[in-house]
């Protein structure tokens, strides 16, 4: 649960396998918490949509991330987590705000 402790998503087919996403098939250990937004209630995850938009700057939609190392991906994610957000009054970075 270190990389993705919680996932907030809509009910697209990619997230239908609740047990496969949340629990290791090898050990049965819980890997994350998965929460589904209600259909047609866009205000439940506007910040998620914004983060997806930001991720697309580094990882274009439709392009494989297989050529990136774990280190490359971590660096890009930490760049995002270190960027102040409008929703946090441009004062806080997500990493700082949610780790204190």
PDB file of N, CA and C in Angstrom:
ATOM      1  N   UNK A   1       0.816  -1.188   0.000  1.00  0.00           N
ATOM      2  CA  UNK A   1       0.000   0.000   0.000  1.00  0.00           C
ATOM      3  C   UNK A   1       0.860   1.253   0.000  1.00  0.00           C
ATOM      4  N   UNK A   2       2.130   1.094  -0.339  1.00  0.00           N
ATOM      5  CA  UNK A   2       3.023   2.247  -0.331  1.00  0.00           C
ATOM      6  C   UNK A   2       2.824   3.167  -1.530  1.00  0.00           C
ATOM      7  N   UNK A   3       2.693   2.593  -2.732  1.00  0.00           N
ATOM      8  CA  UNK A   3       2.630   3.414  -3.932  1.00  0.00           C
ATOM      9  C   UNK A   3       1.246   4.015  -4.131  1.00  0.00           C
ATOM     10  N   UNK A   4       0.193   3.219  -4.015  1.00  0.00           N
ATOM     11  CA  UNK A   4      -1.179   3.688  -4.186  1.00  0.00           C
ATOM     12  C   UNK A   4      -2.019   3.232  -3.003  1.00  0.00           C
ATOM     13  N   UNK A   5      -1.977   3.939  -1.884  1.00  0.00           N
ATOM     14  CA  UNK A   5      -2.740   3.497  -0.719  1.00  0.00           C
ATOM     15  C   UNK A   5      -4.247   3.547  -0.939  1.00  0.00           C
ATOM     16  N   UNK A   6      -4.708   4.473  -1.779  1.00  0.00           N
ATOM     17  CA  UNK A   6      -6.140   4.583  -2.063  1.00  0.00           C
ATOM     18  C   UNK A   6      -6.320   4.970  -3.524  1.00  0.00           C
ATOM     19  N   UNK A   7      -7.329   4.382  -4.134  1.00  0.00           N
ATOM     20  CA  UNK A   7      -7.657   4.695  -5.522  1.00  0.00           C
ATOM     21  C   UNK A   7      -9.105   5.161  -5.558  1.00  0.00           C
ATOM     22  N   UNK A   8      -9.335   6.322  -6.157  1.00  0.00           N
ATOM     23  CA  UNK A   8     -10.678   6.861  -6.345  1.00  0.00           C
ATOM     24  C   UNK A   8     -10.940   6.862  -7.844  1.00  0.00           C
ATOM     25  N   UNK A   9     -11.996   6.184  -8.267  1.00  0.00           N
ATOM     26  CA  UNK A   9     -12.229   6.033  -9.695  1.00  0.00           C
ATOM     27  C   UNK A   9     -13.715   6.017 -10.020  1.00  0.00           C
ATOM     28  N   UNK A  10     -13.984   6.067 -11.308  1.00  0.00           N
ATOM     29  CA  UNK A  10     -15.357   5.869 -11.750  1.00  0.00           C
ATOM     30  C   UNK A  10     -15.547   4.375 -12.017  1.00  0.00           C
ATOM     31  N   UNK A  11     -16.654   4.014 -12.564  1.00  0.00           N
ATOM     32  CA  UNK A  11     -16.960   2.596 -12.750  1.00  0.00           C
ATOM     33  C   UNK A  11     -16.651   2.111 -14.165  1.00  0.00           C
ATOM     34  N   UNK A  12     -15.516   2.506 -14.687  1.00  0.00           N
ATOM     35  CA  UNK A  12     -15.104   2.018 -15.995  1.00  0.00           C
ATOM     36  C   UNK A  12     -14.689   0.559 -15.879  1.00  0.00           C
ATOM     37  N   UNK A  13     -14.724  -0.180 -16.979  1.00  0.00           N
ATOM     38  CA  UNK A  13     -14.386  -1.613 -16.932  1.00  0.00           C
ATOM     39  C   UNK A  13     -12.988  -1.924 -16.413  1.00  0.00           C
ATOM     40  N   UNK A  14     -12.070  -0.984 -16.502  1.00  0.00           N
ATOM     41  CA  UNK A  14     -10.700  -1.225 -16.040  1.00  0.00           C
ATOM     42  C   UNK A  14     -10.633  -1.473 -14.541  1.00  0.00           C
ATOM     43  N   UNK A  15     -11.639  -1.079 -13.821  1.00  0.00           N
ATOM     44  CA  UNK A  15     -11.627  -1.223 -12.365  1.00  0.00           C
ATOM     45  C   UNK A  15     -12.679  -2.218 -11.866  1.00  0.00           C
ATOM     46  N   UNK A  16     -13.136  -3.106 -12.741  1.00  0.00           N
ATOM     47  CA  UNK A  16     -14.150  -4.089 -12.359  1.00  0.00           C
ATOM     48  C   UNK A  16     -13.617  -5.183 -11.436  1.00  0.00           C
ATOM     49  N   UNK A  17     -12.341  -5.518 -11.558  1.00  0.00           N
ATOM     50  CA  UNK A  17     -11.769  -6.614 -10.760  1.00  0.00           C
ATOM     51  C   UNK A  17     -11.329  -6.083  -9.397  1.00  0.00           C
ATOM     52  N   UNK A  18     -12.291  -5.827  -8.536  1.00  0.00           N
ATOM     53  CA  UNK A  18     -12.023  -5.237  -7.226  1.00  0.00           C
ATOM     54  C   UNK A  18     -10.974  -6.041  -6.453  1.00  0.00           C
ATOM     55  N   UNK A  19     -11.196  -7.351  -6.325  1.00  0.00           N
ATOM     56  CA  UNK A  19     -10.258  -8.186  -5.554  1.00  0.00           C
ATOM     57  C   UNK A  19      -8.872  -8.214  -6.188  1.00  0.00           C
ATOM     58  N   UNK A  20      -8.820  -8.278  -7.519  1.00  0.00           N
ATOM     59  CA  UNK A  20      -7.526  -8.304  -8.199  1.00  0.00           C
ATOM     60  C   UNK A  20      -6.743  -7.015  -8.034  1.00  0.00           C
ATOM     61  N   UNK A  21      -7.443  -5.915  -7.887  1.00  0.00           N
ATOM     62  CA  UNK A  21      -6.785  -4.620  -7.690  1.00  0.00           C
ATOM     63  C   UNK A  21      -6.363  -4.460  -6.235  1.00  0.00           C
ATOM     64  N   UNK A  22      -7.251  -4.815  -5.326  1.00  0.00           N
ATOM     65  CA  UNK A  22      -7.022  -4.527  -3.905  1.00  0.00           C
ATOM     66  C   UNK A  22      -6.185  -5.570  -3.176  1.00  0.00           C
ATOM     67  N   UNK A  23      -6.149  -6.795  -3.691  1.00  0.00           N
ATOM     68  CA  UNK A  23      -5.462  -7.867  -2.971  1.00  0.00           C
ATOM     69  C   UNK A  23      -4.486  -8.598  -3.883  1.00  0.00           C
ATOM     70  N   UNK A  24      -3.320  -8.922  -3.332  1.00  0.00           N
ATOM     71  CA  UNK A  24      -2.315  -9.679  -4.074  1.00  0.00           C
ATOM     72  C   UNK A  24      -2.841 -11.070  -4.380  1.00  0.00           C
ATOM     73  N   UNK A  25      -2.714 -11.491  -5.638  1.00  0.00           N
ATOM     74  CA  UNK A  25      -3.141 -12.836  -6.018  1.00  0.00           C
ATOM     75  C   UNK A  25      -2.208 -13.893  -5.424  1.00  0.00           C
ATOM     76  N   UNK A  26      -0.978 -13.502  -5.111  1.00  0.00           N
ATOM     77  CA  UNK A  26       0.004 -14.452  -4.555  1.00  0.00           C
ATOM     78  C   UNK A  26      -0.131 -14.626  -3.049  1.00  0.00           C
ATOM     79  N   UNK A  27      -0.281 -13.524  -2.332  1.00  0.00           N
ATOM     80  CA  UNK A  27      -0.254 -13.599  -0.865  1.00  0.00           C
ATOM     81  C   UNK A  27      -1.601 -13.309  -0.217  1.00  0.00           C
ATOM     82  N   UNK A  28      -2.511 -12.702  -0.980  1.00  0.00           N
ATOM     83  CA  UNK A  28      -3.789 -12.292  -0.401  1.00  0.00           C
ATOM     84  C   UNK A  28      -3.703 -11.010   0.399  1.00  0.00           C
ATOM     85  N   UNK A  29      -2.502 -10.447   0.482  1.00  0.00           N
ATOM     86  CA  UNK A  29      -2.294  -9.215   1.251  1.00  0.00           C
ATOM     87  C   UNK A  29      -3.009  -8.041   0.583  1.00  0.00           C
ATOM     88  N   UNK A  30      -3.608  -7.185   1.392  1.00  0.00           N
ATOM     89  CA  UNK A  30      -4.268  -5.999   0.861  1.00  0.00           C
ATOM     90  C   UNK A  30      -3.229  -5.044   0.301  1.00  0.00           C
ATOM     91  N   UNK A  31      -3.470  -4.574  -0.929  1.00  0.00           N
ATOM     92  CA  UNK A  31      -2.524  -3.676  -1.594  1.00  0.00           C
ATOM     93  C   UNK A  31      -2.989  -2.237  -1.598  1.00  0.00           C
ATOM     94  N   UNK A  32      -4.301  -2.010  -1.570  1.00  0.00           N
ATOM     95  CA  UNK A  32      -4.820  -0.645  -1.603  1.00  0.00           C
ATOM     96  C   UNK A  32      -6.296  -0.660  -1.234  1.00  0.00           C
ATOM     97  N   UNK A  33      -6.826   0.515  -1.059  1.00  0.00           N
ATOM     98  CA  UNK A  33      -8.270   0.714  -0.872  1.00  0.00           C
ATOM     99  C   UNK A  33      -8.801   1.276  -2.194  1.00  0.00           C
ATOM    100  N   UNK A  34      -9.946   0.775  -2.629  1.00  0.00           N
ATOM    101  CA  UNK A  34     -10.539   1.215  -3.884  1.00  0.00           C
ATOM    102  C   UNK A  34     -11.921   1.789  -3.605  1.00  0.00           C
ATOM    103  N   UNK A  35     -12.136   3.022  -4.064  1.00  0.00           N
ATOM    104  CA  UNK A  35     -13.412   3.696  -3.861  1.00  0.00           C
ATOM    105  C   UNK A  35     -13.972   4.111  -5.213  1.00  0.00           C
ATOM    106  N   UNK A  36     -15.259   3.884  -5.413  1.00  0.00           N
ATOM    107  CA  UNK A  36     -15.930   4.252  -6.652  1.00  0.00           C
ATOM    108  C   UNK A  36     -16.761   5.514  -6.436  1.00  0.00           C
ATOM    109  N   UNK A  37     -16.667   6.431  -7.382  1.00  0.00           N
ATOM    110  CA  UNK A  37     -17.520   7.618  -7.359  1.00  0.00           C
ATOM    111  C   UNK A  37     -18.899   7.247  -7.885  1.00  0.00           C
ATOM    112  N   UNK A  38     -19.874   8.029  -7.493  1.00  0.00           N
ATOM    113  CA  UNK A  38     -21.221   7.828  -8.000  1.00  0.00           C
ATOM    114  C   UNK A  38     -21.305   8.318  -9.443  1.00  0.00           C
ATOM    115  N   UNK A  39     -22.090   7.637 -10.277  1.00  0.00           N
ATOM    116  CA  UNK A  39     -22.240   8.078 -11.663  1.00  0.00           C
ATOM    117  C   UNK A  39     -22.848   9.482 -11.742  1.00  0.00           C
ATOM    118  N   UNK A  40     -22.333  10.273 -12.664  1.00  0.00           N
ATOM    119  CA  UNK A  40     -22.853  11.612 -12.956  1.00  0.00           C
ATOM    120  C   UNK A  40     -22.736  12.589 -11.787  1.00  0.00           C
ATOM    121  N   UNK A  41     -21.791  12.355 -10.897  1.00  0.00           N
ATOM    122  CA  UNK A  41     -21.543  13.287  -9.791  1.00  0.00           C
ATOM    123  C   UNK A  41     -20.084  13.742  -9.936  1.00  0.00           C
ATOM    124  N   UNK A  42     -19.875  14.656 -10.867  1.00  0.00           N
ATOM    125  CA  UNK A  42     -18.517  15.058 -11.236  1.00  0.00           C
ATOM    126  C   UNK A  42     -17.768  15.753 -10.111  1.00  0.00           C
ATOM    127  N   UNK A  43     -18.473  16.310  -9.143  1.00  0.00           N
ATOM    128  CA  UNK A  43     -17.772  17.017  -8.071  1.00  0.00           C
ATOM    129  C   UNK A  43     -17.124  16.072  -7.064  1.00  0.00           C
ATOM    130  N   UNK A  44     -17.314  14.756  -7.226  1.00  0.00           N
ATOM    131  CA  UNK A  44     -16.680  13.821  -6.298  1.00  0.00           C
ATOM    132  C   UNK A  44     -15.204  13.600  -6.612  1.00  0.00           C
ATOM    133  N   UNK A  45     -14.783  13.910  -7.826  1.00  0.00           N
ATOM    134  CA  UNK A  45     -13.371  13.691  -8.135  1.00  0.00           C
ATOM    135  C   UNK A  45     -12.774  14.701  -9.107  1.00  0.00           C
ATOM    136  N   UNK A  46     -13.083  15.982  -8.957  1.00  0.00           N
ATOM    137  CA  UNK A  46     -12.496  16.949  -9.895  1.00  0.00           C
ATOM    138  C   UNK A  46     -10.978  17.021  -9.778  1.00  0.00           C
ATOM    139  N   UNK A  47     -10.448  16.846  -8.568  1.00  0.00           N
ATOM    140  CA  UNK A  47      -8.991  16.918  -8.406  1.00  0.00           C
ATOM    141  C   UNK A  47      -8.305  15.705  -9.008  1.00  0.00           C
ATOM    142  N   UNK A  48      -8.988  14.569  -9.006  1.00  0.00           N
ATOM    143  CA  UNK A  48      -8.433  13.387  -9.655  1.00  0.00           C
ATOM    144  C   UNK A  48      -8.304  13.649 -11.156  1.00  0.00           C
ATOM    145  N   UNK A  49      -9.342  14.236 -11.736  1.00  0.00           N
ATOM    146  CA  UNK A  49      -9.294  14.548 -13.166  1.00  0.00           C
ATOM    147  C   UNK A  49      -8.166  15.542 -13.457  1.00  0.00           C
ATOM    148  N   UNK A  50      -7.946  16.491 -12.567  1.00  0.00           N
ATOM    149  CA  UNK A  50      -6.858  17.448 -12.747  1.00  0.00           C
ATOM    150  C   UNK A  50      -5.499  16.758 -12.680  1.00  0.00           C
ATOM    151  N   UNK A  51      -5.337  15.842 -11.748  1.00  0.00           N
ATOM    152  CA  UNK A  51      -4.065  15.109 -11.648  1.00  0.00           C
ATOM    153  C   UNK A  51      -3.850  14.262 -12.891  1.00  0.00           C
ATOM    154  N   UNK A  52      -4.913  13.629 -13.398  1.00  0.00           N
ATOM    155  CA  UNK A  52      -4.783  12.860 -14.638  1.00  0.00           C
ATOM    156  C   UNK A  52      -4.273  13.755 -15.770  1.00  0.00           C
ATOM    157  N   UNK A  53      -4.807  14.956 -15.838  1.00  0.00           N
ATOM    158  CA  UNK A  53      -4.370  15.924 -16.853  1.00  0.00           C
ATOM    159  C   UNK A  53      -2.882  16.240 -16.672  1.00  0.00           C
ATOM    160  N   UNK A  54      -2.460  16.429 -15.437  1.00  0.00           N
ATOM    161  CA  UNK A  54      -1.049  16.714 -15.163  1.00  0.00           C
ATOM    162  C   UNK A  54      -0.151  15.532 -15.520  1.00  0.00           C
ATOM    163  N   UNK A  55      -0.612  14.307 -15.215  1.00  0.00           N
ATOM    164  CA  UNK A  55       0.160  13.106 -15.548  1.00  0.00           C
ATOM    165  C   UNK A  55       0.372  12.975 -17.051  1.00  0.00           C
ATOM    166  N   UNK A  56      -0.615  13.419 -17.839  1.00  0.00           N
ATOM    167  CA  UNK A  56      -0.510  13.316 -19.293  1.00  0.00           C
ATOM    168  C   UNK A  56       0.624  14.179 -19.849  1.00  0.00           C
ATOM    169  N   UNK A  57       1.091  15.145 -19.096  1.00  0.00           N
ATOM    170  CA  UNK A  57       2.251  15.931 -19.529  1.00  0.00           C
ATOM    171  C   UNK A  57       3.495  15.052 -19.600  1.00  0.00           C
ATOM    172  N   UNK A  58       3.589  14.085 -18.701  1.00  0.00           N
ATOM    173  CA  UNK A  58       4.741  13.189 -18.661  1.00  0.00           C
ATOM    174  C   UNK A  58       4.477  11.879 -19.403  1.00  0.00           C
ATOM    175  N   UNK A  59       3.247  11.413 -19.329  1.00  0.00           N
ATOM    176  CA  UNK A  59       2.885  10.113 -19.887  1.00  0.00           C
ATOM    177  C   UNK A  59       1.691  10.286 -20.823  1.00  0.00           C
ATOM    178  N   UNK A  60       1.944  10.565 -22.099  1.00  0.00           N
ATOM    179  CA  UNK A  60       0.847  10.814 -23.041  1.00  0.00           C
ATOM    180  C   UNK A  60      -0.108   9.622 -23.135  1.00  0.00           C
ATOM    181  N   UNK A  61      -1.375   9.924 -23.256  1.00  0.00           N
ATOM    182  CA  UNK A  61      -2.406   8.899 -23.365  1.00  0.00           C
ATOM    183  C   UNK A  61      -2.135   8.030 -24.589  1.00  0.00           C
ATOM    184  N   UNK A  62      -2.254   6.729 -24.408  1.00  0.00           N
ATOM    185  CA  UNK A  62      -2.051   5.795 -25.509  1.00  0.00           C
ATOM    186  C   UNK A  62      -0.616   5.361 -25.696  1.00  0.00           C
ATOM    187  N   UNK A  63       0.314   5.976 -24.978  1.00  0.00           N
ATOM    188  CA  UNK A  63       1.730   5.601 -25.075  1.00  0.00           C
ATOM    189  C   UNK A  63       2.083   4.683 -23.910  1.00  0.00           C
ATOM    190  N   UNK A  64       2.883   3.688 -24.177  1.00  0.00           N
ATOM    191  CA  UNK A  64       3.286   2.737 -23.148  1.00  0.00           C
ATOM    192  C   UNK A  64       4.280   3.382 -22.185  1.00  0.00           C
ATOM    193  N   UNK A  65       4.175   2.999 -20.918  1.00  0.00           N
ATOM    194  CA  UNK A  65       5.162   3.473 -19.933  1.00  0.00           C
ATOM    195  C   UNK A  65       6.218   2.396 -19.666  1.00  0.00           C
ATOM    196  N   UNK A  66       6.200   1.337 -20.476  1.00  0.00           N
ATOM    197  CA  UNK A  66       7.131   0.222 -20.274  1.00  0.00           C
ATOM    198  C   UNK A  66       8.596   0.634 -20.385  1.00  0.00           C
ATOM    199  N   UNK A  67       8.892   1.684 -21.138  1.00  0.00           N
ATOM    200  CA  UNK A  67      10.284   2.101 -21.324  1.00  0.00           C
ATOM    201  C   UNK A  67      10.810   2.978 -20.195  1.00  0.00           C
ATOM    202  N   UNK A  68       9.930   3.337 -19.263  1.00  0.00           N
ATOM    203  CA  UNK A  68      10.351   4.145 -18.121  1.00  0.00           C
ATOM    204  C   UNK A  68      10.790   3.225 -16.989  1.00  0.00           C
ATOM    205  N   UNK A  69      11.842   3.619 -16.304  1.00  0.00           N
ATOM    206  CA  UNK A  69      12.255   2.860 -15.111  1.00  0.00           C
ATOM    207  C   UNK A  69      11.390   3.308 -13.932  1.00  0.00           C
ATOM    208  N   UNK A  70      11.401   2.534 -12.880  1.00  0.00           N
ATOM    209  CA  UNK A  70      10.683   2.919 -11.663  1.00  0.00           C
ATOM    210  C   UNK A  70      11.192   4.257 -11.155  1.00  0.00           C
ATOM    211  N   UNK A  71      12.486   4.474 -11.283  1.00  0.00           N
ATOM    212  CA  UNK A  71      13.073   5.745 -10.839  1.00  0.00           C
ATOM    213  C   UNK A  71      12.521   6.913 -11.660  1.00  0.00           C
ATOM    214  N   UNK A  72      12.428   6.741 -12.982  1.00  0.00           N
ATOM    215  CA  UNK A  72      11.868   7.792 -13.843  1.00  0.00           C
ATOM    216  C   UNK A  72      10.444   8.137 -13.435  1.00  0.00           C
ATOM    217  N   UNK A  73       9.636   7.113 -13.201  1.00  0.00           N
ATOM    218  CA  UNK A  73       8.238   7.330 -12.833  1.00  0.00           C
ATOM    219  C   UNK A  73       8.138   8.020 -11.480  1.00  0.00           C
ATOM    220  N   UNK A  74       8.928   7.567 -10.510  1.00  0.00           N
ATOM    221  CA  UNK A  74       8.921   8.214  -9.187  1.00  0.00           C
ATOM    222  C   UNK A  74       9.293   9.688  -9.286  1.00  0.00           C
ATOM    223  N   UNK A  75      10.314   9.997 -10.071  1.00  0.00           N
ATOM    224  CA  UNK A  75      10.745  11.391 -10.221  1.00  0.00           C
ATOM    225  C   UNK A  75       9.621  12.262 -10.779  1.00  0.00           C
ATOM    226  N   UNK A  76       8.915  11.757 -11.765  1.00  0.00           N
ATOM    227  CA  UNK A  76       7.830  12.523 -12.364  1.00  0.00           C
ATOM    228  C   UNK A  76       6.658  12.685 -11.394  1.00  0.00           C
ATOM    229  N   UNK A  77       6.360  11.645 -10.660  1.00  0.00           N
ATOM    230  CA  UNK A  77       5.275  11.727  -9.681  1.00  0.00           C
ATOM    231  C   UNK A  77       5.645  12.689  -8.558  1.00  0.00           C
ATOM    232  N   UNK A  78       6.875  12.623  -8.087  1.00  0.00           N
ATOM    233  CA  UNK A  78       7.283  13.555  -7.033  1.00  0.00           C
ATOM    234  C   UNK A  78       7.309  14.998  -7.543  1.00  0.00           C
ATOM    235  N   UNK A  79       7.592  15.187  -8.824  1.00  0.00           N
ATOM    236  CA  UNK A  79       7.492  16.529  -9.406  1.00  0.00           C
ATOM    237  C   UNK A  79       6.064  17.041  -9.287  1.00  0.00           C
ATOM    238  N   UNK A  80       5.099  16.185  -9.610  1.00  0.00           N
ATOM    239  CA  UNK A  80       3.690  16.572  -9.477  1.00  0.00           C
ATOM    240  C   UNK A  80       3.311  16.828  -8.022  1.00  0.00           C
ATOM    241  N   UNK A  81       3.772  15.962  -7.142  1.00  0.00           N
ATOM    242  CA  UNK A  81       3.431  16.111  -5.725  1.00  0.00           C
ATOM    243  C   UNK A  81       4.074  17.343  -5.098  1.00  0.00           C
ATOM    244  N   UNK A  82       5.090  17.869  -5.758  1.00  0.00           N
ATOM    245  CA  UNK A  82       5.791  19.044  -5.244  1.00  0.00           C
ATOM    246  C   UNK A  82       5.311  20.337  -5.911  1.00  0.00           C
ATOM    247  N   UNK A  83       4.306  20.250  -6.763  1.00  0.00           N
ATOM    248  CA  UNK A  83       3.779  21.414  -7.474  1.00  0.00           C
ATOM    249  C   UNK A  83       2.573  21.975  -6.730  1.00  0.00           C
ATOM    250  N   UNK A  84       2.614  23.246  -6.331  1.00  0.00           N
ATOM    251  CA  UNK A  84       1.463  23.834  -5.635  1.00  0.00           C
ATOM    252  C   UNK A  84       0.200  23.757  -6.496  1.00  0.00           C
ATOM    253  N   UNK A  85      -0.933  23.507  -5.853  1.00  0.00           N
ATOM    254  CA  UNK A  85      -2.204  23.375  -6.553  1.00  0.00           C
ATOM    255  C   UNK A  85      -3.149  24.521  -6.224  1.00  0.00           C
ATOM    256  N   UNK A  86      -3.932  24.901  -7.220  1.00  0.00           N
ATOM    257  CA  UNK A  86      -4.958  25.926  -7.023  1.00  0.00           C
ATOM    258  C   UNK A  86      -5.917  25.514  -5.906  1.00  0.00           C
ATOM    259  N   UNK A  87      -6.292  24.227  -5.870  1.00  0.00           N
ATOM    260  CA  UNK A  87      -7.235  23.750  -4.857  1.00  0.00           C
ATOM    261  C   UNK A  87      -6.659  23.829  -3.444  1.00  0.00           C
ATOM    262  N   UNK A  88      -5.351  24.009  -3.348  1.00  0.00           N
ATOM    263  CA  UNK A  88      -4.706  24.184  -2.044  1.00  0.00           C
ATOM    264  C   UNK A  88      -4.244  25.629  -1.884  1.00  0.00           C
ATOM    265  N   UNK A  89      -4.944  26.536  -2.561  1.00  0.00           N
ATOM    266  CA  UNK A  89      -4.678  27.982  -2.500  1.00  0.00           C
ATOM    267  C   UNK A  89      -3.282  28.357  -2.994  1.00  0.00           C
ATOM    268  N   UNK A  90      -2.737  27.573  -3.893  1.00  0.00           N
ATOM    269  CA  UNK A  90      -1.411  27.804  -4.473  1.00  0.00           C
ATOM    270  C   UNK A  90      -0.316  27.914  -3.421  1.00  0.00           C
ATOM    271  N   UNK A  91      -0.631  27.579  -2.204  1.00  0.00           N
ATOM    272  CA  UNK A  91       0.360  27.698  -1.142  1.00  0.00           C
ATOM    273  C   UNK A  91       0.972  26.342  -0.804  1.00  0.00           C
ATOM    274  N   UNK A  92       0.159  25.307  -0.869  1.00  0.00           N
ATOM    275  CA  UNK A  92       0.642  23.985  -0.478  1.00  0.00           C
ATOM    276  C   UNK A  92       0.854  23.076  -1.678  1.00  0.00           C
ATOM    277  N   UNK A  93       1.882  22.268  -1.566  1.00  0.00           N
ATOM    278  CA  UNK A  93       2.085  21.187  -2.504  1.00  0.00           C
ATOM    279  C   UNK A  93       1.356  19.970  -1.946  1.00  0.00           C
ATOM    280  N   UNK A  94       0.800  19.099  -2.800  1.00  0.00           N
ATOM    281  CA  UNK A  94       0.079  17.928  -2.293  1.00  0.00           C
ATOM    282  C   UNK A  94       0.901  17.090  -1.323  1.00  0.00           C
ATOM    283  N   UNK A  95       2.171  16.878  -1.643  1.00  0.00           N
ATOM    284  CA  UNK A  95       3.000  16.045  -0.762  1.00  0.00           C
ATOM    285  C   UNK A  95       3.080  16.637   0.638  1.00  0.00           C
ATOM    286  N   UNK A  96       3.338  17.928   0.715  1.00  0.00           N
ATOM    287  CA  UNK A  96       3.464  18.587   2.012  1.00  0.00           C
ATOM    288  C   UNK A  96       2.125  18.592   2.751  1.00  0.00           C
ATOM    289  N   UNK A  97       1.072  18.904   2.040  1.00  0.00           N
ATOM    290  CA  UNK A  97      -0.240  19.061   2.651  1.00  0.00           C
ATOM    291  C   UNK A  97      -0.753  17.758   3.267  1.00  0.00           C
ATOM    292  N   UNK A  98      -0.481  16.641   2.620  1.00  0.00           N
ATOM    293  CA  UNK A  98      -1.069  15.391   3.071  1.00  0.00           C
ATOM    294  C   UNK A  98      -0.097  14.499   3.840  1.00  0.00           C
ATOM    295  N   UNK A  99       1.064  15.016   4.175  1.00  0.00           N
ATOM    296  CA  UNK A  99       1.997  14.238   4.984  1.00  0.00           C
ATOM    297  C   UNK A  99       2.221  14.863   6.354  1.00  0.00           C
ATOM    298  N   UNK A 100       1.560  15.971   6.627  1.00  0.00           N
ATOM    299  CA  UNK A 100       1.730  16.583   7.952  1.00  0.00           C
ATOM    300  C   UNK A 100       0.511  16.318   8.810  1.00  0.00           C
TER     301      UNK A 100
END
